[in-house]
PDB file of N, CA and C in Angstrom:
ATOM      1  N   UNK A   1       0.866  -1.144  -0.061  1.00  0.00           N
ATOM      2  CA  UNK A   1      -0.257  -0.206   0.016  1.00  0.00           C
ATOM      3  C   UNK A   1       0.557   1.279  -0.140  1.00  0.00           C
ATOM      4  N   UNK A   2       0.767   2.295  -0.877  1.00  0.00           N
ATOM      5  CA  UNK A   2       1.774   3.480  -0.940  1.00  0.00           C
ATOM      6  C   UNK A   2       1.047   4.663   0.004  1.00  0.00           C
ATOM      7  N   UNK A   3       1.902   5.793  -0.044  1.00  0.00           N
ATOM      8  CA  UNK A   3       1.223   6.618   0.624  1.00  0.00           C
ATOM      9  C   UNK A   3       1.496   8.080   0.440  1.00  0.00           C
ATOM     10  N   UNK A   4       0.505   8.940   0.592  1.00  0.00           N
ATOM     11  CA  UNK A   4       0.803  10.125  -0.143  1.00  0.00           C
ATOM     12  C   UNK A   4       1.688  10.944   0.335  1.00  0.00           C
ATOM     13  N   UNK A   5       2.615  11.826  -0.937  1.00  0.00           N
ATOM     14  CA  UNK A   5       3.651  12.210  -0.344  1.00  0.00           C
ATOM     15  C   UNK A   5       3.231  13.583  -0.487  1.00  0.00           C
ATOM     16  N   UNK A   6       3.232  14.484   0.791  1.00  0.00           N
ATOM     17  CA  UNK A   6       2.681  15.609   0.982  1.00  0.00           C
ATOM     18  C   UNK A   6       3.857  16.510   1.940  1.00  0.00           C
ATOM     19  N   UNK A   7       4.137  17.383   0.715  1.00  0.00           N
ATOM     20  CA  UNK A   7       5.060  18.131   1.565  1.00  0.00           C
ATOM     21  C   UNK A   7       4.810  19.996   1.380  1.00  0.00           C
ATOM     22  N   UNK A   8       5.439  20.807   2.315  1.00  0.00           N
ATOM     23  CA  UNK A   8       5.055  22.166   2.475  1.00  0.00           C
ATOM     24  C   UNK A   8       4.882  22.829   0.840  1.00  0.00           C
ATOM     25  N   UNK A   9       5.580  22.281   0.366  1.00  0.00           N
ATOM     26  CA  UNK A   9       5.577  22.776  -1.290  1.00  0.00           C
ATOM     27  C   UNK A   9       4.354  22.773  -2.044  1.00  0.00           C
ATOM     28  N   UNK A  10       3.726  21.812  -1.577  1.00  0.00           N
ATOM     29  CA  UNK A  10       2.363  21.065  -2.431  1.00  0.00           C
ATOM     30  C   UNK A  10       1.194  22.055  -1.827  1.00  0.00           C
ATOM     31  N   UNK A  11       1.234  22.802  -1.129  1.00  0.00           N
ATOM     32  CA  UNK A  11       0.431  23.809  -0.325  1.00  0.00           C
ATOM     33  C   UNK A  11       0.046  24.572  -1.521  1.00  0.00           C
ATOM     34  N   UNK A  12      -1.309  25.146  -1.827  1.00  0.00           N
ATOM     35  CA  UNK A  12      -1.808  25.945  -2.724  1.00  0.00           C
ATOM     36  C   UNK A  12      -0.971  27.487  -2.775  1.00  0.00           C
ATOM     37  N   UNK A  13      -1.255  27.567  -1.391  1.00  0.00           N
ATOM     38  CA  UNK A  13      -0.526  29.030  -0.925  1.00  0.00           C
ATOM     39  C   UNK A  13       0.532  29.187   0.231  1.00  0.00           C
ATOM     40  N   UNK A  14       1.203  28.180  -0.240  1.00  0.00           N
ATOM     41  CA  UNK A  14       2.519  28.424   0.953  1.00  0.00           C
ATOM     42  C   UNK A  14       3.069  29.601   1.428  1.00  0.00           C
ATOM     43  N   UNK A  15       2.888  29.834   2.872  1.00  0.00           N
ATOM     44  CA  UNK A  15       3.556  30.928   3.466  1.00  0.00           C
ATOM     45  C   UNK A  15       4.166  30.933   4.447  1.00  0.00           C
ATOM     46  N   UNK A  16       5.234  32.112   4.969  1.00  0.00           N
ATOM     47  CA  UNK A  16       6.081  31.765   6.129  1.00  0.00           C
ATOM     48  C   UNK A  16       5.695  31.852   7.116  1.00  0.00           C
ATOM     49  N   UNK A  17       5.913  30.854   7.843  1.00  0.00           N
ATOM     50  CA  UNK A  17       5.075  30.758   9.350  1.00  0.00           C
ATOM     51  C   UNK A  17       5.999  31.594  10.275  1.00  0.00           C
ATOM     52  N   UNK A  18       5.186  32.188  10.955  1.00  0.00           N
ATOM     53  CA  UNK A  18       5.708  33.151  11.549  1.00  0.00           C
ATOM     54  C   UNK A  18       5.632  32.707  13.374  1.00  0.00           C
ATOM     55  N   UNK A  19       6.664  32.594  13.999  1.00  0.00           N
ATOM     56  CA  UNK A  19       6.333  31.815  15.258  1.00  0.00           C
ATOM     57  C   UNK A  19       5.777  32.763  16.234  1.00  0.00           C
ATOM     58  N   UNK A  20       5.776  34.286  16.117  1.00  0.00           N
ATOM     59  CA  UNK A  20       4.862  35.597  16.825  1.00  0.00           C
ATOM     60  C   UNK A  20       3.562  34.914  17.125  1.00  0.00           C
ATOM     61  N   UNK A  21       2.943  34.636  15.914  1.00  0.00           N
ATOM     62  CA  UNK A  21       1.465  33.966  15.843  1.00  0.00           C
ATOM     63  C   UNK A  21       1.544  32.699  16.800  1.00  0.00           C
ATOM     64  N   UNK A  22       2.354  32.009  17.710  1.00  0.00           N
ATOM     65  CA  UNK A  22       1.936  30.856  18.421  1.00  0.00           C
ATOM     66  C   UNK A  22       2.480  31.177  19.793  1.00  0.00           C
ATOM     67  N   UNK A  23       1.732  30.860  20.823  1.00  0.00           N
ATOM     68  CA  UNK A  23       1.411  30.924  22.333  1.00  0.00           C
ATOM     69  C   UNK A  23       2.273  29.497  22.846  1.00  0.00           C
ATOM     70  N   UNK A  24       3.671  29.160  23.059  1.00  0.00           N
ATOM     71  CA  UNK A  24       3.791  27.997  23.377  1.00  0.00           C
ATOM     72  C   UNK A  24       4.387  27.862  25.084  1.00  0.00           C
ATOM     73  N   UNK A  25       3.272  27.496  25.898  1.00  0.00           N
ATOM     74  CA  UNK A  25       3.517  27.361  27.445  1.00  0.00           C
ATOM     75  C   UNK A  25       4.193  26.365  27.901  1.00  0.00           C
ATOM     76  N   UNK A  26       4.765  25.552  27.214  1.00  0.00           N
ATOM     77  CA  UNK A  26       5.407  24.428  27.414  1.00  0.00           C
ATOM     78  C   UNK A  26       6.835  24.222  26.813  1.00  0.00           C
ATOM     79  N   UNK A  27       6.987  25.171  26.164  1.00  0.00           N
ATOM     80  CA  UNK A  27       8.426  25.432  25.290  1.00  0.00           C
ATOM     81  C   UNK A  27       8.877  26.523  25.922  1.00  0.00           C
ATOM     82  N   UNK A  28      10.650  26.326  26.195  1.00  0.00           N
ATOM     83  CA  UNK A  28      11.436  27.296  26.387  1.00  0.00           C
ATOM     84  C   UNK A  28      11.092  28.643  24.842  1.00  0.00           C
ATOM     85  N   UNK A  29      10.482  29.400  24.916  1.00  0.00           N
ATOM     86  CA  UNK A  29       9.955  30.463  23.846  1.00  0.00           C
ATOM     87  C   UNK A  29      11.251  30.578  23.034  1.00  0.00           C
ATOM     88  N   UNK A  30      12.017  31.324  23.633  1.00  0.00           N
ATOM     89  CA  UNK A  30      12.939  32.164  23.116  1.00  0.00           C
ATOM     90  C   UNK A  30      13.766  31.263  22.479  1.00  0.00           C
ATOM     91  N   UNK A  31      14.229  30.320  23.001  1.00  0.00           N
ATOM     92  CA  UNK A  31      14.981  29.212  22.346  1.00  0.00           C
ATOM     93  C   UNK A  31      14.359  28.553  20.990  1.00  0.00           C
ATOM     94  N   UNK A  32      13.490  28.096  21.265  1.00  0.00           N
ATOM     95  CA  UNK A  32      12.621  27.514  20.023  1.00  0.00           C
ATOM     96  C   UNK A  32      12.626  28.784  18.938  1.00  0.00           C
ATOM     97  N   UNK A  33      11.996  29.613  19.220  1.00  0.00           N
ATOM     98  CA  UNK A  33      11.794  30.666  18.330  1.00  0.00           C
ATOM     99  C   UNK A  33      12.728  31.221  17.648  1.00  0.00           C
ATOM    100  N   UNK A  34      14.083  30.986  18.147  1.00  0.00           N
ATOM    101  CA  UNK A  34      15.198  31.370  17.859  1.00  0.00           C
ATOM    102  C   UNK A  34      15.846  30.608  16.546  1.00  0.00           C
ATOM    103  N   UNK A  35      15.387  29.091  16.721  1.00  0.00           N
ATOM    104  CA  UNK A  35      15.573  28.096  16.088  1.00  0.00           C
ATOM    105  C   UNK A  35      14.549  26.634  16.414  1.00  0.00           C
ATOM    106  N   UNK A  36      13.455  27.105  15.316  1.00  0.00           N
ATOM    107  CA  UNK A  36      12.401  26.214  15.716  1.00  0.00           C
ATOM    108  C   UNK A  36      12.454  24.998  14.830  1.00  0.00           C
ATOM    109  N   UNK A  37      12.320  23.882  15.432  1.00  0.00           N
ATOM    110  CA  UNK A  37      11.997  22.339  15.068  1.00  0.00           C
ATOM    111  C   UNK A  37      11.126  22.400  14.733  1.00  0.00           C
ATOM    112  N   UNK A  38      10.468  22.184  13.315  1.00  0.00           N
ATOM    113  CA  UNK A  38       8.923  21.902  13.112  1.00  0.00           C
ATOM    114  C   UNK A  38       8.930  20.283  12.442  1.00  0.00           C
ATOM    115  N   UNK A  39       7.867  19.785  12.993  1.00  0.00           N
ATOM    116  CA  UNK A  39       7.706  18.596  12.212  1.00  0.00           C
ATOM    117  C   UNK A  39       6.591  18.726  11.174  1.00  0.00           C
ATOM    118  N   UNK A  40       6.644  18.295   9.948  1.00  0.00           N
ATOM    119  CA  UNK A  40       5.491  18.468   8.904  1.00  0.00           C
ATOM    120  C   UNK A  40       5.242  17.367   8.410  1.00  0.00           C
ATOM    121  N   UNK A  41       5.626  16.070   8.537  1.00  0.00           N
ATOM    122  CA  UNK A  41       5.075  14.589   8.473  1.00  0.00           C
ATOM    123  C   UNK A  41       5.473  13.559   9.124  1.00  0.00           C
ATOM    124  N   UNK A  42       4.862  12.476   9.268  1.00  0.00           N
ATOM    125  CA  UNK A  42       5.298  11.358  10.242  1.00  0.00           C
ATOM    126  C   UNK A  42       5.024  10.203   9.414  1.00  0.00           C
ATOM    127  N   UNK A  43       5.571   9.035   9.821  1.00  0.00           N
ATOM    128  CA  UNK A  43       5.083   7.833   9.046  1.00  0.00           C
ATOM    129  C   UNK A  43       6.241   6.568   9.872  1.00  0.00           C
ATOM    130  N   UNK A  44       5.269   5.932  10.773  1.00  0.00           N
ATOM    131  CA  UNK A  44       5.930   4.826  11.288  1.00  0.00           C
ATOM    132  C   UNK A  44       6.946   5.552  12.583  1.00  0.00           C
ATOM    133  N   UNK A  45       8.171   5.145  12.138  1.00  0.00           N
ATOM    134  CA  UNK A  45       9.192   5.614  13.599  1.00  0.00           C
ATOM    135  C   UNK A  45       9.655   7.235  12.859  1.00  0.00           C
ATOM    136  N   UNK A  46       9.339   7.560  11.679  1.00  0.00           N
ATOM    137  CA  UNK A  46      10.036   8.597  11.235  1.00  0.00           C
ATOM    138  C   UNK A  46       9.134   9.941  11.159  1.00  0.00           C
ATOM    139  N   UNK A  47      10.241  11.098  11.125  1.00  0.00           N
ATOM    140  CA  UNK A  47       9.742  12.483  11.465  1.00  0.00           C
ATOM    141  C   UNK A  47      10.254  12.849  10.163  1.00  0.00           C
ATOM    142  N   UNK A  48       9.540  14.190   9.649  1.00  0.00           N
ATOM    143  CA  UNK A  48      10.270  15.016   8.674  1.00  0.00           C
ATOM    144  C   UNK A  48       9.812  16.388   9.254  1.00  0.00           C
ATOM    145  N   UNK A  49      11.146  17.049   8.662  1.00  0.00           N
ATOM    146  CA  UNK A  49      11.005  18.341   9.167  1.00  0.00           C
ATOM    147  C   UNK A  49      10.735  19.435   7.836  1.00  0.00           C
ATOM    148  N   UNK A  50      10.660  20.747   7.795  1.00  0.00           N
ATOM    149  CA  UNK A  50      10.233  21.578   6.748  1.00  0.00           C
ATOM    150  C   UNK A  50      11.318  21.481   5.983  1.00  0.00           C
ATOM    151  N   UNK A  51      12.454  20.927   6.116  1.00  0.00           N
ATOM    152  CA  UNK A  51      13.856  20.824   5.068  1.00  0.00           C
ATOM    153  C   UNK A  51      13.752  19.698   4.332  1.00  0.00           C
ATOM    154  N   UNK A  52      12.638  18.772   4.615  1.00  0.00           N
ATOM    155  CA  UNK A  52      12.770  17.316   4.382  1.00  0.00           C
ATOM    156  C   UNK A  52      13.675  16.671   4.854  1.00  0.00           C
ATOM    157  N   UNK A  53      14.581  16.637   5.892  1.00  0.00           N
ATOM    158  CA  UNK A  53      15.493  15.999   6.387  1.00  0.00           C
ATOM    159  C   UNK A  53      14.241  14.783   7.336  1.00  0.00           C
ATOM    160  N   UNK A  54      14.894  13.667   7.282  1.00  0.00           N
ATOM    161  CA  UNK A  54      14.172  12.340   7.608  1.00  0.00           C
ATOM    162  C   UNK A  54      14.704  12.077   9.302  1.00  0.00           C
ATOM    163  N   UNK A  55      13.750  12.351  10.228  1.00  0.00           N
ATOM    164  CA  UNK A  55      14.279  11.945  11.614  1.00  0.00           C
ATOM    165  C   UNK A  55      13.819  11.190  12.159  1.00  0.00           C
ATOM    166  N   UNK A  56      14.524  10.296  13.371  1.00  0.00           N
ATOM    167  CA  UNK A  56      13.774   8.848  14.095  1.00  0.00           C
ATOM    168  C   UNK A  56      13.496   9.665  15.244  1.00  0.00           C
ATOM    169  N   UNK A  57      12.149   9.273  15.192  1.00  0.00           N
ATOM    170  CA  UNK A  57      11.198   9.419  16.497  1.00  0.00           C
ATOM    171  C   UNK A  57      11.975   8.484  17.553  1.00  0.00           C
ATOM    172  N   UNK A  58      12.975   8.779  18.636  1.00  0.00           N
ATOM    173  CA  UNK A  58      13.731   8.120  19.297  1.00  0.00           C
ATOM    174  C   UNK A  58      13.114   8.558  20.711  1.00  0.00           C
TER     175      UNK A  58
END
């Protein structure tokens, strides 16, 4: 069974995400906003970030 491949580039009107729009009460906001780590896809034990890098959910 195949899986649909979706990326941020597939969005019809992709826009830059501003971290100022989000309140993250359980995250060190200053550190996160300086270098955000956003997950855009997950499959099994793997996660993908907005740059397309595959990461292992350990």
